[in-house]
Amino acid sequence: MEYAGESEILNTRVFDAPRSAVYSVFRSPDSLARWWGPAGFTNTIHELDLRPGGKWLLTMHGPGGDYDNESVFEEVVENERIVFRHLGPVHPFVMTMTFEDAGPGATRLSWRMVHETQLSSNLSAFFSNANEQNFDRLEAELRGDR
C-alpha cells in the first residue's frame, strides 16, 4: 500500500490468475457481490452497467448497517482498465483499476483512489486497509473459496 498524496491512495497486488479471470470477477454481478468490500461486508448489486456512462448501484451490508453506493463508469477497457466515479453517499472519489500481466498466469491489479477532498491520515489508513481486505476477498473468489 502507498499513500501517493493527501487525497490519493494506491493499492497494488499480484494475483495468481490471468488478467481475463481477474477482470471477469468484476464484471459478473454475482461474483462481485461475493467479494466486494472489506471483511465482514456483503452486497446487493442493484445495477451494474459496465460501460462508459453506465451506473453501478449497490448496497453494502456491514456491521454498522447498510450503505447505499452510487457510481458511474467513466472508462472501461476489457481486461485492462476500469475507471469509475463514486458519487456517494459520502467521500466522493475516482477509482482507476488497472490490470497488467505480471508473469505467466499472473495479474498485477492496481487501485488508485483520488478523493475530491484532502483526507485525514486516519481516513487514508481506513481506505487503504479496506482496499487490502477487498483484495483478500478477491483472492479468495479467484481461488473458488466461498
N, C-alpha and C. Protein backbone atom coordinates (compact mmCIF):
# COMPACT_ATOMS: atom_id res chain seq x y z
N MET A 1 0.85 -1.18 0.00
CA MET A 1 0.00 0.00 0.00
C MET A 1 0.88 1.22 0.00
N GLU A 2 0.34 2.29 -0.53
CA GLU A 2 1.12 3.52 -0.68
C GLU A 2 0.17 4.71 -0.56
N TYR A 3 0.64 5.73 0.10
CA TYR A 3 -0.11 6.98 0.14
C TYR A 3 0.55 7.90 -0.88
N ALA A 4 -0.10 8.04 -2.03
CA ALA A 4 0.50 8.82 -3.11
C ALA A 4 0.31 10.32 -2.91
N GLY A 5 -0.54 10.71 -2.02
CA GLY A 5 -0.81 12.11 -1.75
C GLY A 5 -1.87 12.20 -0.68
N GLU A 6 -2.20 13.41 -0.25
CA GLU A 6 -3.14 13.56 0.84
C GLU A 6 -4.58 13.27 0.43
N SER A 7 -4.85 13.18 -0.86
CA SER A 7 -6.19 12.82 -1.31
C SER A 7 -6.16 11.57 -2.20
N GLU A 8 -5.00 10.92 -2.28
CA GLU A 8 -4.82 9.80 -3.19
C GLU A 8 -4.30 8.57 -2.44
N ILE A 9 -4.87 7.41 -2.78
CA ILE A 9 -4.46 6.14 -2.17
C ILE A 9 -4.21 5.15 -3.31
N LEU A 10 -3.11 4.41 -3.22
CA LEU A 10 -2.77 3.41 -4.21
C LEU A 10 -2.56 2.07 -3.52
N ASN A 11 -3.31 1.05 -3.97
CA ASN A 11 -3.12 -0.32 -3.51
C ASN A 11 -2.84 -1.18 -4.73
N THR A 12 -1.85 -2.06 -4.61
CA THR A 12 -1.47 -2.94 -5.72
C THR A 12 -1.21 -4.33 -5.17
N ARG A 13 -1.65 -5.32 -5.93
CA ARG A 13 -1.37 -6.71 -5.55
C ARG A 13 -1.26 -7.55 -6.80
N VAL A 14 -0.41 -8.58 -6.74
CA VAL A 14 -0.29 -9.55 -7.83
C VAL A 14 -1.14 -10.77 -7.45
N PHE A 15 -2.01 -11.15 -8.39
CA PHE A 15 -2.90 -12.30 -8.21
C PHE A 15 -2.45 -13.44 -9.11
N ASP A 16 -2.58 -14.65 -8.61
CA ASP A 16 -2.18 -15.84 -9.35
C ASP A 16 -3.32 -16.26 -10.28
N ALA A 17 -3.61 -15.40 -11.26
CA ALA A 17 -4.67 -15.65 -12.23
C ALA A 17 -4.43 -14.73 -13.42
N PRO A 18 -4.83 -15.18 -14.61
CA PRO A 18 -4.66 -14.32 -15.79
C PRO A 18 -5.58 -13.10 -15.73
N ARG A 19 -5.21 -12.06 -16.48
CA ARG A 19 -5.99 -10.81 -16.48
C ARG A 19 -7.47 -11.05 -16.78
N SER A 20 -7.76 -11.91 -17.74
CA SER A 20 -9.16 -12.14 -18.11
C SER A 20 -9.95 -12.69 -16.92
N ALA A 21 -9.33 -13.53 -16.09
CA ALA A 21 -10.03 -14.09 -14.92
C ALA A 21 -10.23 -13.02 -13.85
N VAL A 22 -9.23 -12.19 -13.62
CA VAL A 22 -9.34 -11.13 -12.61
C VAL A 22 -10.39 -10.12 -13.05
N TYR A 23 -10.39 -9.77 -14.31
CA TYR A 23 -11.37 -8.83 -14.84
C TYR A 23 -12.79 -9.41 -14.76
N SER A 24 -12.93 -10.69 -15.06
CA SER A 24 -14.26 -11.30 -15.13
C SER A 24 -14.97 -11.31 -13.78
N VAL A 25 -14.25 -11.39 -12.66
CA VAL A 25 -14.93 -11.39 -11.37
C VAL A 25 -15.39 -10.00 -10.97
N PHE A 26 -14.98 -8.98 -11.73
CA PHE A 26 -15.52 -7.65 -11.51
C PHE A 26 -16.77 -7.43 -12.35
N ARG A 27 -16.82 -7.98 -13.54
CA ARG A 27 -17.96 -7.70 -14.42
C ARG A 27 -19.16 -8.58 -14.15
N SER A 28 -19.01 -9.62 -13.36
CA SER A 28 -20.13 -10.51 -13.02
C SER A 28 -20.79 -10.01 -11.74
N PRO A 29 -22.07 -9.57 -11.80
CA PRO A 29 -22.73 -9.08 -10.58
C PRO A 29 -22.75 -10.10 -9.44
N ASP A 30 -22.96 -11.38 -9.76
CA ASP A 30 -22.99 -12.40 -8.71
C ASP A 30 -21.63 -12.54 -8.03
N SER A 31 -20.58 -12.59 -8.83
CA SER A 31 -19.23 -12.69 -8.28
C SER A 31 -18.87 -11.43 -7.50
N LEU A 32 -19.13 -10.28 -8.09
CA LEU A 32 -18.81 -9.00 -7.44
C LEU A 32 -19.50 -8.88 -6.09
N ALA A 33 -20.73 -9.33 -6.01
CA ALA A 33 -21.48 -9.26 -4.74
C ALA A 33 -20.80 -10.09 -3.66
N ARG A 34 -20.12 -11.18 -4.05
CA ARG A 34 -19.47 -12.05 -3.05
C ARG A 34 -18.19 -11.46 -2.49
N TRP A 35 -17.42 -10.70 -3.31
CA TRP A 35 -16.08 -10.30 -2.84
C TRP A 35 -15.90 -8.80 -2.62
N TRP A 36 -16.81 -7.97 -3.09
CA TRP A 36 -16.58 -6.52 -2.99
C TRP A 36 -16.67 -6.05 -1.54
N GLY A 37 -15.81 -5.15 -1.17
CA GLY A 37 -15.85 -4.51 0.14
C GLY A 37 -14.91 -5.15 1.14
N PRO A 38 -14.75 -4.49 2.28
CA PRO A 38 -13.86 -5.03 3.31
C PRO A 38 -14.47 -6.24 4.01
N ALA A 39 -13.66 -6.88 4.83
CA ALA A 39 -14.09 -8.05 5.60
C ALA A 39 -15.35 -7.72 6.40
N GLY A 40 -16.28 -8.68 6.45
CA GLY A 40 -17.50 -8.51 7.23
C GLY A 40 -18.65 -7.89 6.46
N PHE A 41 -18.44 -7.55 5.18
CA PHE A 41 -19.49 -6.93 4.37
C PHE A 41 -20.07 -7.93 3.37
N THR A 42 -21.35 -7.77 3.09
CA THR A 42 -22.00 -8.45 1.98
C THR A 42 -22.61 -7.36 1.10
N ASN A 43 -23.07 -7.75 -0.07
CA ASN A 43 -23.54 -6.75 -1.03
C ASN A 43 -24.81 -7.18 -1.74
N THR A 44 -25.60 -6.19 -2.06
CA THR A 44 -26.70 -6.36 -3.00
C THR A 44 -26.39 -5.45 -4.18
N ILE A 45 -26.22 -6.05 -5.37
CA ILE A 45 -25.95 -5.27 -6.57
C ILE A 45 -27.31 -5.00 -7.23
N HIS A 46 -27.67 -3.73 -7.31
CA HIS A 46 -28.94 -3.34 -7.91
C HIS A 46 -28.78 -3.10 -9.41
N GLU A 47 -27.63 -2.59 -9.81
CA GLU A 47 -27.36 -2.31 -11.22
C GLU A 47 -25.86 -2.32 -11.43
N LEU A 48 -25.42 -2.97 -12.51
CA LEU A 48 -24.01 -2.97 -12.90
C LEU A 48 -23.97 -2.89 -14.42
N ASP A 49 -23.85 -1.68 -14.93
CA ASP A 49 -23.81 -1.42 -16.36
C ASP A 49 -22.38 -1.01 -16.71
N LEU A 50 -21.55 -2.03 -16.94
CA LEU A 50 -20.11 -1.83 -17.10
C LEU A 50 -19.77 -1.32 -18.50
N ARG A 51 -20.00 -0.02 -18.68
CA ARG A 51 -19.68 0.68 -19.92
C ARG A 51 -19.56 2.16 -19.57
N PRO A 52 -18.84 2.94 -20.38
CA PRO A 52 -18.75 4.37 -20.08
C PRO A 52 -20.15 4.99 -20.00
N GLY A 53 -20.40 5.70 -18.89
CA GLY A 53 -21.70 6.29 -18.64
C GLY A 53 -22.65 5.39 -17.90
N GLY A 54 -22.30 4.11 -17.76
CA GLY A 54 -23.15 3.15 -17.07
C GLY A 54 -23.11 3.33 -15.57
N LYS A 55 -24.20 2.97 -14.91
CA LYS A 55 -24.29 3.11 -13.46
C LYS A 55 -23.93 1.81 -12.75
N TRP A 56 -23.44 2.00 -11.53
CA TRP A 56 -23.20 0.89 -10.62
C TRP A 56 -23.86 1.29 -9.31
N LEU A 57 -24.95 0.60 -8.99
CA LEU A 57 -25.70 0.86 -7.75
C LEU A 57 -25.63 -0.39 -6.89
N LEU A 58 -25.18 -0.22 -5.66
CA LEU A 58 -25.11 -1.35 -4.75
C LEU A 58 -25.39 -0.90 -3.33
N THR A 59 -25.82 -1.85 -2.54
CA THR A 59 -25.96 -1.64 -1.10
C THR A 59 -24.96 -2.56 -0.42
N MET A 60 -24.07 -1.97 0.37
CA MET A 60 -23.12 -2.74 1.16
C MET A 60 -23.73 -2.93 2.54
N HIS A 61 -23.79 -4.19 2.97
CA HIS A 61 -24.35 -4.53 4.28
C HIS A 61 -23.18 -4.85 5.20
N GLY A 62 -22.98 -4.01 6.20
CA GLY A 62 -21.83 -4.18 7.09
C GLY A 62 -22.23 -4.23 8.54
N PRO A 63 -21.25 -4.39 9.39
CA PRO A 63 -21.51 -4.47 10.82
C PRO A 63 -22.23 -3.24 11.37
N GLY A 64 -22.02 -2.07 10.75
CA GLY A 64 -22.64 -0.85 11.25
C GLY A 64 -23.93 -0.47 10.55
N GLY A 65 -24.40 -1.31 9.61
CA GLY A 65 -25.63 -1.02 8.92
C GLY A 65 -25.50 -1.19 7.42
N ASP A 66 -26.46 -0.63 6.70
CA ASP A 66 -26.50 -0.72 5.24
C ASP A 66 -26.03 0.61 4.63
N TYR A 67 -25.26 0.50 3.55
CA TYR A 67 -24.69 1.68 2.92
C TYR A 67 -24.97 1.63 1.42
N ASP A 68 -25.86 2.49 0.95
CA ASP A 68 -26.15 2.59 -0.48
C ASP A 68 -25.01 3.35 -1.15
N ASN A 69 -24.57 2.85 -2.29
CA ASN A 69 -23.48 3.46 -3.04
C ASN A 69 -23.91 3.66 -4.48
N GLU A 70 -23.49 4.79 -5.04
CA GLU A 70 -23.77 5.08 -6.44
C GLU A 70 -22.47 5.49 -7.12
N SER A 71 -22.20 4.85 -8.25
CA SER A 71 -21.02 5.16 -9.04
C SER A 71 -21.40 5.19 -10.51
N VAL A 72 -20.57 5.87 -11.31
CA VAL A 72 -20.75 5.92 -12.76
C VAL A 72 -19.41 5.56 -13.40
N PHE A 73 -19.45 4.66 -14.37
CA PHE A 73 -18.24 4.26 -15.07
C PHE A 73 -17.86 5.34 -16.08
N GLU A 74 -16.58 5.73 -16.05
CA GLU A 74 -16.07 6.73 -16.97
C GLU A 74 -15.29 6.11 -18.12
N GLU A 75 -14.60 5.01 -17.83
CA GLU A 75 -13.79 4.34 -18.86
C GLU A 75 -13.79 2.86 -18.56
N VAL A 76 -13.96 2.06 -19.61
CA VAL A 76 -13.93 0.60 -19.47
C VAL A 76 -13.19 0.05 -20.68
N VAL A 77 -12.04 -0.58 -20.44
CA VAL A 77 -11.27 -1.26 -21.47
C VAL A 77 -11.09 -2.69 -20.98
N GLU A 78 -11.78 -3.62 -21.62
CA GLU A 78 -11.81 -5.00 -21.14
C GLU A 78 -10.41 -5.55 -20.90
N ASN A 79 -10.25 -6.16 -19.73
CA ASN A 79 -9.00 -6.81 -19.29
C ASN A 79 -7.84 -5.84 -19.08
N GLU A 80 -8.09 -4.51 -19.14
CA GLU A 80 -7.02 -3.54 -18.99
C GLU A 80 -7.29 -2.45 -17.96
N ARG A 81 -8.49 -1.87 -18.00
CA ARG A 81 -8.70 -0.68 -17.19
C ARG A 81 -10.19 -0.44 -16.94
N ILE A 82 -10.51 -0.07 -15.71
CA ILE A 82 -11.85 0.37 -15.34
C ILE A 82 -11.68 1.65 -14.53
N VAL A 83 -12.41 2.69 -14.91
CA VAL A 83 -12.40 3.94 -14.14
C VAL A 83 -13.85 4.25 -13.79
N PHE A 84 -14.09 4.45 -12.48
CA PHE A 84 -15.44 4.86 -12.08
C PHE A 84 -15.36 6.01 -11.09
N ARG A 85 -16.42 6.81 -11.12
CA ARG A 85 -16.57 7.93 -10.20
C ARG A 85 -17.58 7.51 -9.14
N HIS A 86 -17.12 7.41 -7.89
CA HIS A 86 -18.00 7.10 -6.77
C HIS A 86 -18.65 8.40 -6.34
N LEU A 87 -19.97 8.47 -6.48
CA LEU A 87 -20.70 9.71 -6.23
C LEU A 87 -21.14 9.85 -4.78
N GLY A 88 -21.28 8.76 -4.09
CA GLY A 88 -21.72 8.89 -2.71
C GLY A 88 -22.29 7.60 -2.19
N PRO A 89 -22.70 7.68 -0.96
CA PRO A 89 -23.25 8.85 -0.30
C PRO A 89 -22.19 9.78 0.32
N VAL A 90 -21.04 9.27 0.69
CA VAL A 90 -20.00 10.13 1.27
C VAL A 90 -18.68 9.84 0.58
N HIS A 91 -17.71 10.70 0.79
CA HIS A 91 -16.34 10.52 0.29
C HIS A 91 -16.30 10.29 -1.23
N PRO A 92 -16.74 11.26 -2.02
CA PRO A 92 -16.64 11.11 -3.48
C PRO A 92 -15.18 10.91 -3.90
N PHE A 93 -14.97 10.00 -4.85
CA PHE A 93 -13.62 9.74 -5.36
C PHE A 93 -13.72 9.15 -6.76
N VAL A 94 -12.58 9.13 -7.45
CA VAL A 94 -12.45 8.43 -8.72
C VAL A 94 -11.51 7.25 -8.48
N MET A 95 -11.96 6.08 -8.89
CA MET A 95 -11.15 4.85 -8.77
C MET A 95 -10.70 4.44 -10.16
N THR A 96 -9.39 4.27 -10.31
CA THR A 96 -8.83 3.74 -11.54
C THR A 96 -8.24 2.37 -11.22
N MET A 97 -8.77 1.35 -11.87
CA MET A 97 -8.31 -0.02 -11.69
C MET A 97 -7.55 -0.42 -12.95
N THR A 98 -6.30 -0.84 -12.80
CA THR A 98 -5.53 -1.29 -13.96
C THR A 98 -5.15 -2.75 -13.77
N PHE A 99 -5.25 -3.49 -14.86
CA PHE A 99 -4.96 -4.92 -14.90
C PHE A 99 -3.76 -5.12 -15.81
N GLU A 100 -2.64 -5.62 -15.27
CA GLU A 100 -1.41 -5.78 -16.05
C GLU A 100 -0.86 -7.19 -15.88
N ASP A 101 -0.26 -7.71 -16.95
CA ASP A 101 0.41 -9.00 -16.84
C ASP A 101 1.56 -8.89 -15.85
N ALA A 102 1.72 -9.93 -15.03
CA ALA A 102 2.79 -9.94 -14.03
C ALA A 102 3.49 -11.30 -14.06
N GLY A 103 3.73 -11.79 -15.24
CA GLY A 103 4.35 -13.10 -15.39
C GLY A 103 3.31 -14.08 -15.89
N PRO A 104 3.76 -15.30 -16.20
CA PRO A 104 2.84 -16.31 -16.74
C PRO A 104 1.67 -16.58 -15.79
N GLY A 105 0.46 -16.32 -16.27
CA GLY A 105 -0.74 -16.62 -15.49
C GLY A 105 -0.95 -15.73 -14.28
N ALA A 106 -0.27 -14.60 -14.19
CA ALA A 106 -0.41 -13.71 -13.03
C ALA A 106 -0.81 -12.31 -13.50
N THR A 107 -1.51 -11.60 -12.61
CA THR A 107 -2.01 -10.26 -12.92
C THR A 107 -1.69 -9.30 -11.79
N ARG A 108 -1.16 -8.15 -12.14
CA ARG A 108 -0.97 -7.06 -11.18
C ARG A 108 -2.19 -6.16 -11.28
N LEU A 109 -2.93 -6.05 -10.19
CA LEU A 109 -4.10 -5.18 -10.13
C LEU A 109 -3.75 -3.99 -9.26
N SER A 110 -3.95 -2.80 -9.81
CA SER A 110 -3.71 -1.57 -9.06
C SER A 110 -5.01 -0.79 -8.95
N TRP A 111 -5.25 -0.28 -7.74
CA TRP A 111 -6.40 0.59 -7.49
C TRP A 111 -5.87 1.94 -7.04
N ARG A 112 -6.17 2.95 -7.81
CA ARG A 112 -5.79 4.31 -7.45
C ARG A 112 -7.06 5.09 -7.16
N MET A 113 -7.23 5.47 -5.90
CA MET A 113 -8.39 6.25 -5.47
C MET A 113 -7.95 7.70 -5.32
N VAL A 114 -8.62 8.60 -6.02
CA VAL A 114 -8.34 10.02 -5.89
C VAL A 114 -9.61 10.66 -5.34
N HIS A 115 -9.52 11.11 -4.10
CA HIS A 115 -10.66 11.73 -3.41
C HIS A 115 -10.75 13.20 -3.77
N GLU A 116 -11.99 13.71 -3.74
CA GLU A 116 -12.21 15.11 -4.08
C GLU A 116 -11.70 16.06 -3.02
N THR A 117 -11.54 15.56 -1.82
CA THR A 117 -11.07 16.40 -0.72
C THR A 117 -9.87 15.74 -0.06
N GLN A 118 -9.12 16.53 0.65
CA GLN A 118 -7.97 16.01 1.40
C GLN A 118 -8.48 15.09 2.50
N LEU A 119 -7.79 13.98 2.70
CA LEU A 119 -8.17 13.01 3.72
C LEU A 119 -7.29 13.15 4.95
N SER A 120 -7.88 12.90 6.10
CA SER A 120 -7.07 12.81 7.31
C SER A 120 -6.23 11.54 7.23
N SER A 121 -5.17 11.47 8.01
CA SER A 121 -4.33 10.26 7.99
C SER A 121 -5.13 9.05 8.46
N ASN A 122 -6.05 9.23 9.40
CA ASN A 122 -6.89 8.11 9.86
C ASN A 122 -7.78 7.60 8.74
N LEU A 123 -8.39 8.51 7.98
CA LEU A 123 -9.28 8.11 6.89
C LEU A 123 -8.48 7.49 5.74
N SER A 124 -7.30 8.00 5.45
CA SER A 124 -6.43 7.39 4.43
C SER A 124 -6.08 5.96 4.82
N ALA A 125 -5.72 5.76 6.07
CA ALA A 125 -5.38 4.42 6.55
C ALA A 125 -6.60 3.50 6.49
N PHE A 126 -7.78 4.02 6.83
CA PHE A 126 -9.00 3.23 6.78
C PHE A 126 -9.24 2.73 5.35
N PHE A 127 -9.21 3.64 4.36
CA PHE A 127 -9.45 3.25 2.97
C PHE A 127 -8.40 2.27 2.47
N SER A 128 -7.15 2.53 2.78
CA SER A 128 -6.08 1.65 2.33
C SER A 128 -6.23 0.25 2.92
N ASN A 129 -6.53 0.17 4.20
CA ASN A 129 -6.74 -1.14 4.85
C ASN A 129 -7.98 -1.84 4.30
N ALA A 130 -9.04 -1.08 4.06
CA ALA A 130 -10.26 -1.67 3.48
C ALA A 130 -9.97 -2.22 2.09
N ASN A 131 -9.16 -1.50 1.29
CA ASN A 131 -8.80 -1.99 -0.04
C ASN A 131 -8.01 -3.29 0.05
N GLU A 132 -7.11 -3.39 1.03
CA GLU A 132 -6.33 -4.62 1.20
C GLU A 132 -7.25 -5.79 1.58
N GLN A 133 -8.23 -5.54 2.44
CA GLN A 133 -9.21 -6.58 2.78
C GLN A 133 -10.02 -6.97 1.56
N ASN A 134 -10.35 -5.98 0.74
CA ASN A 134 -11.06 -6.25 -0.51
C ASN A 134 -10.21 -7.15 -1.41
N PHE A 135 -8.92 -6.87 -1.52
CA PHE A 135 -8.03 -7.72 -2.30
C PHE A 135 -7.99 -9.14 -1.73
N ASP A 136 -7.99 -9.28 -0.40
CA ASP A 136 -8.02 -10.61 0.22
C ASP A 136 -9.26 -11.38 -0.24
N ARG A 137 -10.39 -10.69 -0.25
CA ARG A 137 -11.65 -11.33 -0.63
C ARG A 137 -11.65 -11.67 -2.13
N LEU A 138 -11.05 -10.80 -2.94
CA LEU A 138 -10.92 -11.07 -4.37
C LEU A 138 -10.05 -12.30 -4.59
N GLU A 139 -8.96 -12.39 -3.85
CA GLU A 139 -8.07 -13.55 -3.96
C GLU A 139 -8.83 -14.84 -3.65
N ALA A 140 -9.65 -14.82 -2.60
CA ALA A 140 -10.45 -15.99 -2.23
C ALA A 140 -11.45 -16.33 -3.33
N GLU A 141 -12.07 -15.30 -3.92
CA GLU A 141 -13.03 -15.53 -5.01
C GLU A 141 -12.33 -16.18 -6.20
N LEU A 142 -11.14 -15.72 -6.54
CA LEU A 142 -10.39 -16.29 -7.66
C LEU A 142 -10.01 -17.75 -7.40
N ARG A 143 -9.76 -18.10 -6.14
CA ARG A 143 -9.44 -19.49 -5.77
C ARG A 143 -10.68 -20.38 -5.72
N GLY A 144 -11.85 -19.74 -5.69
CA GLY A 144 -13.09 -20.51 -5.58
C GLY A 144 -13.51 -20.76 -4.15
N ASP A 145 -12.87 -20.09 -3.18
CA ASP A 145 -13.25 -20.23 -1.78
C ASP A 145 -14.52 -19.43 -1.54
N ARG A 146 -15.58 -20.09 -1.19
CA ARG A 146 -16.84 -19.36 -0.97
C ARG A 146 -17.44 -19.76 0.33
